[in-house]
Structures are given as C-alpha cells and as structure tokens.
Amino acid sequence: MPNPLSHLAVASILRQVRTAPLPVSMRNRLAGPFEAVKPKDAGYQRGPVEPPNPTPIGALMVAGEPFAIRIDEPQKRTAHVPTAAEIRRQQKESWFHPPPWDFNWSGDLRLHAHEPDSRSVDRTWKDGRRRRLEDQIPDILSSLYDLALRAKARRAQHERWERERRERGRLERERSERRDVELKLIHELERQAGAWFRSRLLHRYIRAARRALGEQQIEAKRGDETVDFFDWAQGYVDQLDPLHPAARNDDLLESPFTFHADADLKKGFARLTGFEGQRSCKVADGVEDPPASDEQGDD
C-alpha cells in the first residue's frame, strides 16, 4: 500500500523546489530561474528494500540543464514474527511458509537528482535528525546548479572531442586523396621507367646480335608472313620505349579481364633474367627460325 503521508510530503517538496524563494545572493549565483519541465522516464530500477508503489518523478531545468527529481521513502526491513493464524495455517498446509521479512515505512524521505537520460544518481538528499528534507531546499537548488555547471562542462568537452575527431577524419581523408593523386603519378613514372629499362635491355641485345651476325639475317614466322627477326624486334622495342616516337602496338595491350597476370609476370621475369636461356635459339650458330612453339606456350 502506498503511504499517503509520504505522497503528501512528496507533493509539498516538489512544489517548494519549483517555487522556493531564494536569497538575492543565491539568485545572482544561479544566474537564471529554475524552470519546471515535463517529467521523463529516467530508467530508474527499484531496489529490493524500496516501497512497491510507483515513485513520484518530477523534473527541473537548472541553468538550461534538465534534471530528473525523484522522491522516495525507504522501508525498514525487520524479521517477520509469525502470527498465530500463520502458525495454524502452516500446520494445516505443509507448503505454506510465512514471509521472512516485514517492511514498514520509515517516515524519512529521500530526494534523488540525476540527468534524465542517465540511470546513475548524481546527488541524494534525505531527512536527517536536525533538518528535514523540505528545510534543505536552498542547499538542494545550489547543489543542482553546481551539477548543471558540470553537465555543461562535460558537454562542452564532448563537443570539443567530437569536433577534433571530425577534424582528424577530414584531414585524413584529404591526405588520402592527395596520396591517391600522387600514387597515380608515381605508378605512371614507374611504368615508364620500367618500359624504358626493358627497351634499353632489349635494344642492347639487338645491337650485340647484329654485330655478331654481320650481314646475316634471321628469318622468323609472323603468322603467315616471313620477317627478319631483328627488324621485327627493333620495331617492338621502339614502340615499347616511352622516349621513342613510334606508336604503341594496340594488339599488345593487356586485356582488363585477365586471370593469369601473376603467371604471365613470372614467365616474363624468367625469360628476361635468363632462366629459360637453355631453351633459346643460338643466333650465332645460324639457326634461322626461333622455336615458335615454346614462345606460343608461354604467351
């Protein structure tokens, strides 16, 4: 059963909190009136020794900060002494057991203040031997103002951290965009340098082979036609060299949908580093036709 006396006291205290006449010095310190606002669900969970009736909840706007105000009356728990009727019933009904505890209203009130969206209580005031709760209203209001300043400081700090986090994210995105732009140019430079290095290597080999062959030519099959192998090679090297004006051979452009890039790269690296040297034709021995079957298998 709710305690009607407690509810009368609760209503009185809430009314005093909202309409308390404050000294001029305290009003100057508070720098603003206390504004009653609509109560919110504070998410409060009742403890095991508190009254089972709903706890009255109000709210105050203190310096622009809302606070949930909850007033309750704790109960005193004492060991239950079975009554004669309970003893007789227990003798007749073996399953019946009297309650182990009795809960009685203490007559003392407690006022809890916390932020509406928080489950943790920021401050609690209660009836004392010398001062009842309703006599502590000025002190309660002053403490609420201090809590409001702390809430403002926490919010300002959180907003500052949030601004700094967003600024760090913005700077990182800008750095990432600049890095992507630079990487595109770097990759293009590396492609050009790689093509130039490969063309220099092949060009030096062609000159060395021609010096070794003199006037002799090496014929090779290019589809259905017969070509001079080193004339063809010179054309390939010229179109590969980024510093040569010869146009690129579009037939040699890689397909964007290739599934053998790694294997092709390994085979090309093996050819250029001489790992397949034993399979190459001996130009100086006068072999006229390089083994096309091996090359076709590598492509």
C-alpha atoms as a PDB file:
ATOM      1  CA  MET A   1       0.000   0.000   0.000  1.00  0.00           C
ATOM      2  CA  PRO A   2       1.347   3.439  -0.840  1.00  0.00           C
ATOM      3  CA  ASN A   3       1.966   5.684   2.109  1.00  0.00           C
ATOM      4  CA  PRO A   4      -0.461   8.656   1.739  1.00  0.00           C
ATOM      5  CA  LEU A   5       1.567  10.780   4.137  1.00  0.00           C
ATOM      6  CA  SER A   6       4.666  10.264   2.006  1.00  0.00           C
ATOM      7  CA  HIS A   7       2.804  11.333  -1.116  1.00  0.00           C
ATOM      8  CA  LEU A   8       1.629  14.482   0.577  1.00  0.00           C
ATOM      9  CA  ALA A   9       5.197  15.251   1.587  1.00  0.00           C
ATOM     10  CA  VAL A  10       6.432  14.489  -1.940  1.00  0.00           C
ATOM     11  CA  ALA A  11       3.950  16.908  -3.465  1.00  0.00           C
ATOM     12  CA  SER A  12       4.885  19.570  -0.945  1.00  0.00           C
ATOM     13  CA  ILE A  13       8.625  19.194  -1.543  1.00  0.00           C
ATOM     14  CA  LEU A  14       8.293  19.241  -5.325  1.00  0.00           C
ATOM     15  CA  ARG A  15       6.205  22.380  -5.043  1.00  0.00           C
ATOM     16  CA  GLN A  16       8.796  24.016  -2.785  1.00  0.00           C
ATOM     17  CA  VAL A  17      11.651  23.027  -5.073  1.00  0.00           C
ATOM     18  CA  ARG A  18       9.921  24.639  -8.040  1.00  0.00           C
ATOM     19  CA  THR A  19       8.743  27.782  -6.240  1.00  0.00           C
ATOM     20  CA  ALA A  20      11.283  28.234  -3.463  1.00  0.00           C
ATOM     21  CA  PRO A  21      12.032  31.907  -2.620  1.00  0.00           C
ATOM     22  CA  LEU A  22      15.788  32.233  -2.857  1.00  0.00           C
ATOM     23  CA  PRO A  23      18.039  34.874  -1.294  1.00  0.00           C
ATOM     24  CA  VAL A  24      19.317  37.565  -3.645  1.00  0.00           C
ATOM     25  CA  SER A  25      22.909  36.300  -3.327  1.00  0.00           C
ATOM     26  CA  MET A  26      21.881  32.807  -4.375  1.00  0.00           C
ATOM     27  CA  ARG A  27      19.762  34.072  -7.269  1.00  0.00           C
ATOM     28  CA  ASN A  28      22.780  36.074  -8.510  1.00  0.00           C
ATOM     29  CA  ARG A  29      24.871  32.934  -8.320  1.00  0.00           C
ATOM     30  CA  LEU A  30      22.315  30.831 -10.150  1.00  0.00           C
ATOM     31  CA  ALA A  31      22.054  33.465 -12.885  1.00  0.00           C
ATOM     32  CA  GLY A  32      18.668  32.229 -14.037  1.00  0.00           C
ATOM     33  CA  PRO A  33      15.349  30.893 -12.765  1.00  0.00           C
ATOM     34  CA  PHE A  34      14.528  27.252 -12.140  1.00  0.00           C
ATOM     35  CA  GLU A  35      12.048  26.095 -14.748  1.00  0.00           C
ATOM     36  CA  ALA A  36       9.764  23.110 -14.195  1.00  0.00           C
ATOM     37  CA  VAL A  37       9.676  20.760 -17.187  1.00  0.00           C
ATOM     38  CA  LYS A  38       7.653  17.707 -18.083  1.00  0.00           C
ATOM     39  CA  PRO A  39       8.907  14.588 -16.275  1.00  0.00           C
ATOM     40  CA  LYS A  40      10.753  11.998 -18.335  1.00  0.00           C
ATOM     41  CA  ASP A  41      11.296   8.299 -17.879  1.00  0.00           C
ATOM     42  CA  ALA A  42      14.611   8.202 -16.051  1.00  0.00           C
ATOM     43  CA  GLY A  43      15.020   4.453 -16.428  1.00  0.00           C
ATOM     44  CA  TYR A  44      15.114   4.041 -12.664  1.00  0.00           C
ATOM     45  CA  GLN A  45      15.137   0.471 -11.326  1.00  0.00           C
ATOM     46  CA  ARG A  46      13.645  -0.065  -7.896  1.00  0.00           C
ATOM     47  CA  GLY A  47      15.814  -1.687  -5.248  1.00  0.00           C
ATOM     48  CA  PRO A  48      14.715  -4.609  -3.063  1.00  0.00           C
ATOM     49  CA  VAL A  49      14.032  -2.550   0.067  1.00  0.00           C
ATOM     50  CA  GLU A  50      12.119   0.336  -1.514  1.00  0.00           C
ATOM     51  CA  PRO A  51       8.348   0.732  -1.498  1.00  0.00           C
ATOM     52  CA  PRO A  52       6.482  -1.168  -4.206  1.00  0.00           C
ATOM     53  CA  ASN A  53       4.375   1.830  -5.231  1.00  0.00           C
ATOM     54  CA  PRO A  54       5.459   3.971  -8.236  1.00  0.00           C
ATOM     55  CA  THR A  55       7.988   6.605  -7.237  1.00  0.00           C
ATOM     56  CA  PRO A  56       6.913  10.199  -7.974  1.00  0.00           C
ATOM     57  CA  ILE A  57       9.239  11.765 -10.554  1.00  0.00           C
ATOM     58  CA  GLY A  58       9.480  15.426 -11.475  1.00  0.00           C
ATOM     59  CA  ALA A  59      11.963  17.485 -13.438  1.00  0.00           C
ATOM     60  CA  LEU A  60      13.679  20.841 -13.167  1.00  0.00           C
ATOM     61  CA  MET A  61      15.506  22.906 -15.771  1.00  0.00           C
ATOM     62  CA  VAL A  62      18.544  24.318 -13.970  1.00  0.00           C
ATOM     63  CA  ALA A  63      20.618  26.840 -15.923  1.00  0.00           C
ATOM     64  CA  GLY A  64      19.421  25.219 -19.121  1.00  0.00           C
ATOM     65  CA  GLU A  65      20.190  21.680 -17.918  1.00  0.00           C
ATOM     66  CA  PRO A  66      17.310  19.253 -17.191  1.00  0.00           C
ATOM     67  CA  PHE A  67      17.396  17.158 -14.031  1.00  0.00           C
ATOM     68  CA  ALA A  68      15.034  14.377 -13.084  1.00  0.00           C
ATOM     69  CA  ILE A  69      13.857  14.727  -9.491  1.00  0.00           C
ATOM     70  CA  ARG A  70      12.722  11.551  -7.742  1.00  0.00           C
ATOM     71  CA  ILE A  71      11.486  11.328  -4.165  1.00  0.00           C
ATOM     72  CA  ASP A  72      11.004   8.063  -2.326  1.00  0.00           C
ATOM     73  CA  GLU A  73      10.547   6.750   1.200  1.00  0.00           C
ATOM     74  CA  PRO A  74      12.666   3.736   2.078  1.00  0.00           C
ATOM     75  CA  GLN A  75      11.203   0.928   4.109  1.00  0.00           C
ATOM     76  CA  LYS A  76      12.748  -0.698   7.123  1.00  0.00           C
ATOM     77  CA  ARG A  77      13.147  -4.431   6.923  1.00  0.00           C
ATOM     78  CA  THR A  78      12.634  -6.446  10.104  1.00  0.00           C
ATOM     79  CA  ALA A  79      12.434 -10.152  10.743  1.00  0.00           C
ATOM     80  CA  HIS A  80       8.856 -11.365  10.490  1.00  0.00           C
ATOM     81  CA  VAL A  81       7.293 -12.883  13.599  1.00  0.00           C
ATOM     82  CA  PRO A  82       4.700 -15.450  12.516  1.00  0.00           C
ATOM     83  CA  THR A  83       1.204 -14.758  13.779  1.00  0.00           C
ATOM     84  CA  ALA A  84      -0.989 -17.384  15.419  1.00  0.00           C
ATOM     85  CA  ALA A  85      -3.079 -17.614  12.231  1.00  0.00           C
ATOM     86  CA  GLU A  86       0.058 -18.191  10.126  1.00  0.00           C
ATOM     87  CA  ILE A  87       1.239 -20.893  12.527  1.00  0.00           C
ATOM     88  CA  ARG A  88      -2.111 -22.700  12.338  1.00  0.00           C
ATOM     89  CA  ARG A  89      -2.174 -22.435   8.554  1.00  0.00           C
ATOM     90  CA  GLN A  90       1.356 -23.782   8.319  1.00  0.00           C
ATOM     91  CA  GLN A  91       0.336 -26.762  10.442  1.00  0.00           C
ATOM     92  CA  LYS A  92      -2.570 -27.482   8.084  1.00  0.00           C
ATOM     93  CA  GLU A  93      -0.816 -26.647   4.787  1.00  0.00           C
ATOM     94  CA  SER A  94       2.717 -28.012   4.576  1.00  0.00           C
ATOM     95  CA  TRP A  95       3.517 -25.925   1.507  1.00  0.00           C
ATOM     96  CA  PHE A  96       2.710 -22.629   3.234  1.00  0.00           C
ATOM     97  CA  HIS A  97       5.594 -20.589   4.685  1.00  0.00           C
ATOM     98  CA  PRO A  98       5.188 -17.172   6.340  1.00  0.00           C
ATOM     99  CA  PRO A  99       7.200 -14.321   4.733  1.00  0.00           C
ATOM    100  CA  PRO A 100      10.688 -13.985   6.235  1.00  0.00           C
ATOM    101  CA  TRP A 101      10.589 -10.179   6.426  1.00  0.00           C
ATOM    102  CA  ASP A 102       8.286  -7.335   7.310  1.00  0.00           C
ATOM    103  CA  PHE A 103       8.612  -3.976   5.527  1.00  0.00           C
ATOM    104  CA  ASN A 104       7.464  -0.856   7.326  1.00  0.00           C
ATOM    105  CA  TRP A 105       7.509   2.751   6.178  1.00  0.00           C
ATOM    106  CA  SER A 106      10.444   4.618   7.694  1.00  0.00           C
ATOM    107  CA  GLY A 107       8.822   8.049   7.627  1.00  0.00           C
ATOM    108  CA  ASP A 108      12.029   9.517   6.154  1.00  0.00           C
ATOM    109  CA  LEU A 109      12.129  10.855   2.606  1.00  0.00           C
ATOM    110  CA  ARG A 110      14.969  10.940   0.098  1.00  0.00           C
ATOM    111  CA  LEU A 111      15.321  13.225  -2.920  1.00  0.00           C
ATOM    112  CA  HIS A 112      17.427  11.979  -5.841  1.00  0.00           C
ATOM    113  CA  ALA A 113      18.596  14.138  -8.733  1.00  0.00           C
ATOM    114  CA  HIS A 114      20.138  12.894 -11.962  1.00  0.00           C
ATOM    115  CA  GLU A 115      20.229  13.679 -15.643  1.00  0.00           C
ATOM    116  CA  PRO A 116      17.051  12.455 -17.379  1.00  0.00           C
ATOM    117  CA  ASP A 117      18.834  10.046 -19.706  1.00  0.00           C
ATOM    118  CA  SER A 118      21.076   8.579 -17.020  1.00  0.00           C
ATOM    119  CA  ARG A 119      20.437   5.681 -14.652  1.00  0.00           C
ATOM    120  CA  SER A 120      23.065   6.800 -12.149  1.00  0.00           C
ATOM    121  CA  VAL A 121      22.067   9.232  -9.402  1.00  0.00           C
ATOM    122  CA  ASP A 122      24.160  12.401  -9.296  1.00  0.00           C
ATOM    123  CA  ARG A 123      23.151  13.512  -5.804  1.00  0.00           C
ATOM    124  CA  THR A 124      20.838  12.389  -2.992  1.00  0.00           C
ATOM    125  CA  TRP A 125      19.425  14.378  -0.068  1.00  0.00           C
ATOM    126  CA  LYS A 126      17.431  12.842   2.765  1.00  0.00           C
ATOM    127  CA  ASP A 127      15.680  13.611   6.029  1.00  0.00           C
ATOM    128  CA  GLY A 128      18.040  13.988   8.936  1.00  0.00           C
ATOM    129  CA  ARG A 129      17.664  14.314  12.685  1.00  0.00           C
ATOM    130  CA  ARG A 130      18.252  18.067  12.618  1.00  0.00           C
ATOM    131  CA  ARG A 131      16.957  19.056   9.189  1.00  0.00           C
ATOM    132  CA  ARG A 132      14.053  17.653   7.271  1.00  0.00           C
ATOM    133  CA  LEU A 133      14.173  17.448   3.518  1.00  0.00           C
ATOM    134  CA  GLU A 134      11.896  20.426   2.971  1.00  0.00           C
ATOM    135  CA  ASP A 135      14.271  22.599   5.034  1.00  0.00           C
ATOM    136  CA  GLN A 136      17.163  21.813   2.687  1.00  0.00           C
ATOM    137  CA  ILE A 137      15.592  23.323  -0.468  1.00  0.00           C
ATOM    138  CA  PRO A 138      18.088  26.237  -0.834  1.00  0.00           C
ATOM    139  CA  ASP A 139      21.033  23.860  -0.470  1.00  0.00           C
ATOM    140  CA  ILE A 140      19.431  21.456  -2.935  1.00  0.00           C
ATOM    141  CA  LEU A 141      18.993  24.193  -5.528  1.00  0.00           C
ATOM    142  CA  SER A 142      22.552  25.393  -5.050  1.00  0.00           C
ATOM    143  CA  SER A 143      23.873  21.849  -5.494  1.00  0.00           C
ATOM    144  CA  LEU A 144      21.740  21.381  -8.590  1.00  0.00           C
ATOM    145  CA  TYR A 145      23.308  24.490 -10.076  1.00  0.00           C
ATOM    146  CA  ASP A 146      26.790  23.025  -9.459  1.00  0.00           C
ATOM    147  CA  LEU A 147      25.658  19.811 -11.153  1.00  0.00           C
ATOM    148  CA  ALA A 148      24.343  21.851 -14.089  1.00  0.00           C
ATOM    149  CA  LEU A 149      27.739  23.545 -14.495  1.00  0.00           C
ATOM    150  CA  ARG A 150      29.440  20.126 -14.503  1.00  0.00           C
ATOM    151  CA  ALA A 151      26.987  18.861 -17.096  1.00  0.00           C
ATOM    152  CA  LYS A 152      27.708  21.906 -19.274  1.00  0.00           C
ATOM    153  CA  ALA A 153      31.452  21.321 -18.906  1.00  0.00           C
ATOM    154  CA  ARG A 154      31.098  17.655 -19.835  1.00  0.00           C
ATOM    155  CA  ARG A 155      29.008  18.514 -22.868  1.00  0.00           C
ATOM    156  CA  ALA A 156      31.461  21.199 -23.950  1.00  0.00           C
ATOM    157  CA  GLN A 157      34.334  18.728 -23.602  1.00  0.00           C
ATOM    158  CA  HIS A 158      32.442  16.067 -25.546  1.00  0.00           C
ATOM    159  CA  GLU A 159      31.622  18.560 -28.295  1.00  0.00           C
ATOM    160  CA  ARG A 160      35.276  19.617 -28.404  1.00  0.00           C
ATOM    161  CA  TRP A 161      36.384  15.973 -28.700  1.00  0.00           C
ATOM    162  CA  GLU A 162      33.777  15.392 -31.399  1.00  0.00           C
ATOM    163  CA  ARG A 163      34.973  18.437 -33.369  1.00  0.00           C
ATOM    164  CA  GLU A 164      38.559  17.262 -33.042  1.00  0.00           C
ATOM    165  CA  ARG A 165      37.578  13.758 -34.167  1.00  0.00           C
ATOM    166  CA  ARG A 166      35.758  15.111 -37.211  1.00  0.00           C
ATOM    167  CA  GLU A 167      38.692  17.396 -37.996  1.00  0.00           C
ATOM    168  CA  ARG A 168      41.125  14.473 -37.769  1.00  0.00           C
ATOM    169  CA  GLY A 169      38.863  12.481 -40.082  1.00  0.00           C
ATOM    170  CA  ARG A 170      38.682  15.371 -42.556  1.00  0.00           C
ATOM    171  CA  LEU A 171      42.454  15.807 -42.592  1.00  0.00           C
ATOM    172  CA  GLU A 172      42.980  12.082 -43.026  1.00  0.00           C
ATOM    173  CA  ARG A 173      40.540  11.978 -45.948  1.00  0.00           C
ATOM    174  CA  GLU A 174      42.337  14.913 -47.571  1.00  0.00           C
ATOM    175  CA  ARG A 175      45.716  13.221 -47.046  1.00  0.00           C
ATOM    176  CA  SER A 176      44.314  10.018 -48.528  1.00  0.00           C
ATOM    177  CA  GLU A 177      43.028  11.886 -51.583  1.00  0.00           C
ATOM    178  CA  ARG A 178      46.355  13.653 -52.057  1.00  0.00           C
ATOM    179  CA  ARG A 179      48.163  10.348 -51.617  1.00  0.00           C
ATOM    180  CA  ASP A 180      45.984   8.702 -54.281  1.00  0.00           C
ATOM    181  CA  VAL A 181      46.746  11.543 -56.703  1.00  0.00           C
ATOM    182  CA  GLU A 182      50.475  11.235 -56.054  1.00  0.00           C
ATOM    183  CA  LEU A 183      50.377   7.437 -56.341  1.00  0.00           C
ATOM    184  CA  LYS A 184      48.781   7.662 -59.769  1.00  0.00           C
ATOM    185  CA  LEU A 185      51.696   9.812 -60.972  1.00  0.00           C
ATOM    186  CA  ILE A 186      54.236   7.592 -59.205  1.00  0.00           C
ATOM    187  CA  HIS A 187      52.792   4.457 -60.814  1.00  0.00           C
ATOM    188  CA  GLU A 188      52.874   6.101 -64.225  1.00  0.00           C
ATOM    189  CA  LEU A 189      56.505   7.119 -63.683  1.00  0.00           C
ATOM    190  CA  GLU A 190      57.386   3.569 -62.645  1.00  0.00           C
ATOM    191  CA  ARG A 191      55.600   2.132 -65.687  1.00  0.00           C
ATOM    192  CA  GLN A 192      57.508   4.479 -67.981  1.00  0.00           C
ATOM    193  CA  ALA A 193      60.827   3.745 -66.294  1.00  0.00           C
ATOM    194  CA  GLY A 194      60.131   0.008 -66.413  1.00  0.00           C
ATOM    195  CA  ALA A 195      59.279   0.160 -70.126  1.00  0.00           C
ATOM    196  CA  TRP A 196      62.365   2.264 -70.793  1.00  0.00           C
ATOM    197  CA  PHE A 197      64.624  -0.114 -68.827  1.00  0.00           C
ATOM    198  CA  ARG A 198      63.206  -3.132 -70.650  1.00  0.00           C
ATOM    199  CA  SER A 199      63.565  -1.437 -74.024  1.00  0.00           C
ATOM    200  CA  ARG A 200      67.193  -0.479 -73.223  1.00  0.00           C
ATOM    201  CA  LEU A 201      67.972  -4.078 -72.299  1.00  0.00           C
ATOM    202  CA  LEU A 202      66.391  -5.466 -75.473  1.00  0.00           C
ATOM    203  CA  HIS A 203      67.934  -2.722 -77.644  1.00  0.00           C
ATOM    204  CA  ARG A 204      71.409  -3.523 -76.378  1.00  0.00           C
ATOM    205  CA  TYR A 205      70.838  -7.195 -77.143  1.00  0.00           C
ATOM    206  CA  ILE A 206      69.651  -6.401 -80.689  1.00  0.00           C
ATOM    207  CA  ARG A 207      72.781  -4.311 -81.374  1.00  0.00           C
ATOM    208  CA  ALA A 208      75.008  -7.061 -79.961  1.00  0.00           C
ATOM    209  CA  ALA A 209      73.233  -9.699 -82.069  1.00  0.00           C
ATOM    210  CA  ARG A 210      73.564  -7.664 -85.246  1.00  0.00           C
ATOM    211  CA  ARG A 211      77.253  -7.131 -84.597  1.00  0.00           C
ATOM    212  CA  ALA A 212      77.626 -10.871 -84.174  1.00  0.00           C
ATOM    213  CA  LEU A 213      75.605 -11.707 -87.307  1.00  0.00           C
ATOM    214  CA  GLY A 214      77.070  -9.078 -89.597  1.00  0.00           C
ATOM    215  CA  GLU A 215      75.118  -9.206 -92.878  1.00  0.00           C
ATOM    216  CA  GLN A 216      73.360 -12.448 -91.998  1.00  0.00           C
ATOM    217  CA  GLN A 217      69.605 -12.301 -91.342  1.00  0.00           C
ATOM    218  CA  ILE A 218      67.440 -14.456 -89.087  1.00  0.00           C
ATOM    219  CA  GLU A 219      64.059 -15.209 -90.563  1.00  0.00           C
ATOM    220  CA  ALA A 220      61.024 -15.850 -88.400  1.00  0.00           C
ATOM    221  CA  LYS A 221      57.376 -16.610 -88.982  1.00  0.00           C
ATOM    222  CA  ARG A 222      54.924 -13.892 -88.079  1.00  0.00           C
ATOM    223  CA  GLY A 223      51.635 -15.551 -88.790  1.00  0.00           C
ATOM    224  CA  ASP A 224      51.607 -16.320 -92.499  1.00  0.00           C
ATOM    225  CA  GLU A 225      54.442 -13.965 -93.397  1.00  0.00           C
ATOM    226  CA  THR A 226      58.189 -14.323 -93.058  1.00  0.00           C
ATOM    227  CA  VAL A 227      60.035 -11.431 -91.404  1.00  0.00           C
ATOM    228  CA  ASP A 228      63.558 -10.590 -90.367  1.00  0.00           C
ATOM    229  CA  PHE A 229      63.562 -11.433 -86.684  1.00  0.00           C
ATOM    230  CA  PHE A 230      65.699  -8.477 -85.563  1.00  0.00           C
ATOM    231  CA  ASP A 231      63.867  -5.976 -87.768  1.00  0.00           C
ATOM    232  CA  TRP A 232      60.684  -7.093 -86.063  1.00  0.00           C
ATOM    233  CA  ALA A 233      62.464  -6.946 -82.693  1.00  0.00           C
ATOM    234  CA  GLN A 234      63.641  -3.373 -83.341  1.00  0.00           C
ATOM    235  CA  GLY A 235      60.063  -2.316 -84.128  1.00  0.00           C
ATOM    236  CA  TYR A 236      58.815  -3.932 -80.946  1.00  0.00           C
ATOM    237  CA  VAL A 237      61.483  -2.237 -78.839  1.00  0.00           C
ATOM    238  CA  ASP A 238      60.837   1.158 -80.439  1.00  0.00           C
ATOM    239  CA  GLN A 239      57.096   1.021 -79.678  1.00  0.00           C
ATOM    240  CA  LEU A 240      57.893  -0.163 -76.123  1.00  0.00           C
ATOM    241  CA  ASP A 241      60.341   2.676 -75.418  1.00  0.00           C
ATOM    242  CA  PRO A 242      58.423   5.650 -73.900  1.00  0.00           C
ATOM    243  CA  LEU A 243      61.099   8.013 -75.242  1.00  0.00           C
ATOM    244  CA  HIS A 244      60.725   6.808 -78.866  1.00  0.00           C
ATOM    245  CA  PRO A 245      58.090   8.420 -81.128  1.00  0.00           C
ATOM    246  CA  ALA A 246      56.902   5.066 -82.512  1.00  0.00           C
ATOM    247  CA  ALA A 247      53.209   4.425 -81.794  1.00  0.00           C
ATOM    248  CA  ARG A 248      52.151   1.696 -79.412  1.00  0.00           C
ATOM    249  CA  ASN A 249      51.072  -1.657 -80.789  1.00  0.00           C
ATOM    250  CA  ASP A 250      47.434  -1.905 -79.702  1.00  0.00           C
ATOM    251  CA  ASP A 251      47.495  -5.686 -80.159  1.00  0.00           C
ATOM    252  CA  LEU A 252      49.920  -5.943 -77.255  1.00  0.00           C
ATOM    253  CA  LEU A 253      47.712  -4.100 -74.799  1.00  0.00           C
ATOM    254  CA  GLU A 254      46.650  -6.356 -71.915  1.00  0.00           C
ATOM    255  CA  SER A 255      43.000  -7.254 -71.513  1.00  0.00           C
ATOM    256  CA  PRO A 256      41.493  -5.737 -68.346  1.00  0.00           C
ATOM    257  CA  PHE A 257      39.827  -9.121 -67.677  1.00  0.00           C
ATOM    258  CA  THR A 258      42.882 -11.348 -67.410  1.00  0.00           C
ATOM    259  CA  PHE A 259      43.099 -14.124 -64.844  1.00  0.00           C
ATOM    260  CA  HIS A 260      46.725 -15.071 -65.483  1.00  0.00           C
ATOM    261  CA  ALA A 261      48.528 -11.841 -64.565  1.00  0.00           C
ATOM    262  CA  ASP A 262      50.721 -13.434 -61.874  1.00  0.00           C
ATOM    263  CA  ALA A 263      51.669 -16.406 -64.057  1.00  0.00           C
ATOM    264  CA  ASP A 264      52.435 -14.158 -67.029  1.00  0.00           C
ATOM    265  CA  LEU A 265      54.573 -11.906 -64.842  1.00  0.00           C
ATOM    266  CA  LYS A 266      56.580 -14.862 -63.553  1.00  0.00           C
ATOM    267  CA  LYS A 267      57.136 -16.186 -67.071  1.00  0.00           C
ATOM    268  CA  GLY A 268      58.206 -12.773 -68.375  1.00  0.00           C
ATOM    269  CA  PHE A 269      60.592 -12.344 -65.450  1.00  0.00           C
ATOM    270  CA  ALA A 270      62.039 -15.810 -66.091  1.00  0.00           C
ATOM    271  CA  ARG A 271      62.648 -15.005 -69.777  1.00  0.00           C
ATOM    272  CA  LEU A 272      64.307 -11.642 -69.105  1.00  0.00           C
ATOM    273  CA  THR A 273      66.551 -12.959 -66.314  1.00  0.00           C
ATOM    274  CA  GLY A 274      67.851 -15.863 -68.383  1.00  0.00           C
ATOM    275  CA  PHE A 275      66.158 -18.735 -66.574  1.00  0.00           C
ATOM    276  CA  GLU A 276      64.932 -20.001 -69.952  1.00  0.00           C
ATOM    277  CA  GLY A 277      68.283 -19.430 -71.632  1.00  0.00           C
ATOM    278  CA  GLN A 278      68.744 -23.121 -72.415  1.00  0.00           C
ATOM    279  CA  ARG A 279      65.544 -23.069 -74.494  1.00  0.00           C
ATOM    280  CA  SER A 280      66.535 -20.032 -76.605  1.00  0.00           C
ATOM    281  CA  CYS A 281      67.892 -20.377 -80.151  1.00  0.00           C
ATOM    282  CA  LYS A 282      71.593 -19.891 -80.875  1.00  0.00           C
ATOM    283  CA  VAL A 283      71.632 -16.903 -83.215  1.00  0.00           C
ATOM    284  CA  ALA A 284      75.377 -17.040 -83.883  1.00  0.00           C
ATOM    285  CA  ASP A 285      75.087 -20.709 -84.931  1.00  0.00           C
ATOM    286  CA  GLY A 286      72.903 -19.703 -87.848  1.00  0.00           C
ATOM    287  CA  VAL A 287      69.589 -21.087 -86.625  1.00  0.00           C
ATOM    288  CA  GLU A 288      67.129 -19.339 -88.910  1.00  0.00           C
ATOM    289  CA  ASP A 289      63.809 -19.867 -87.118  1.00  0.00           C
ATOM    290  CA  PRO A 290      63.351 -19.391 -83.371  1.00  0.00           C
ATOM    291  CA  PRO A 291      61.262 -22.184 -81.795  1.00  0.00           C
ATOM    292  CA  ALA A 292      57.766 -20.688 -82.100  1.00  0.00           C
ATOM    293  CA  SER A 293      56.020 -23.483 -80.219  1.00  0.00           C
ATOM    294  CA  ASP A 294      57.723 -22.682 -76.889  1.00  0.00           C
ATOM    295  CA  GLU A 295      57.024 -18.989 -77.210  1.00  0.00           C
ATOM    296  CA  GLN A 296      53.371 -19.648 -78.050  1.00  0.00           C
ATOM    297  CA  GLY A 297      53.096 -21.807 -74.986  1.00  0.00           C
ATOM    298  CA  ASP A 298      54.425 -19.020 -72.784  1.00  0.00           C
ATOM    299  CA  ASP A 299      52.072 -16.352 -74.113  1.00  0.00           C
END
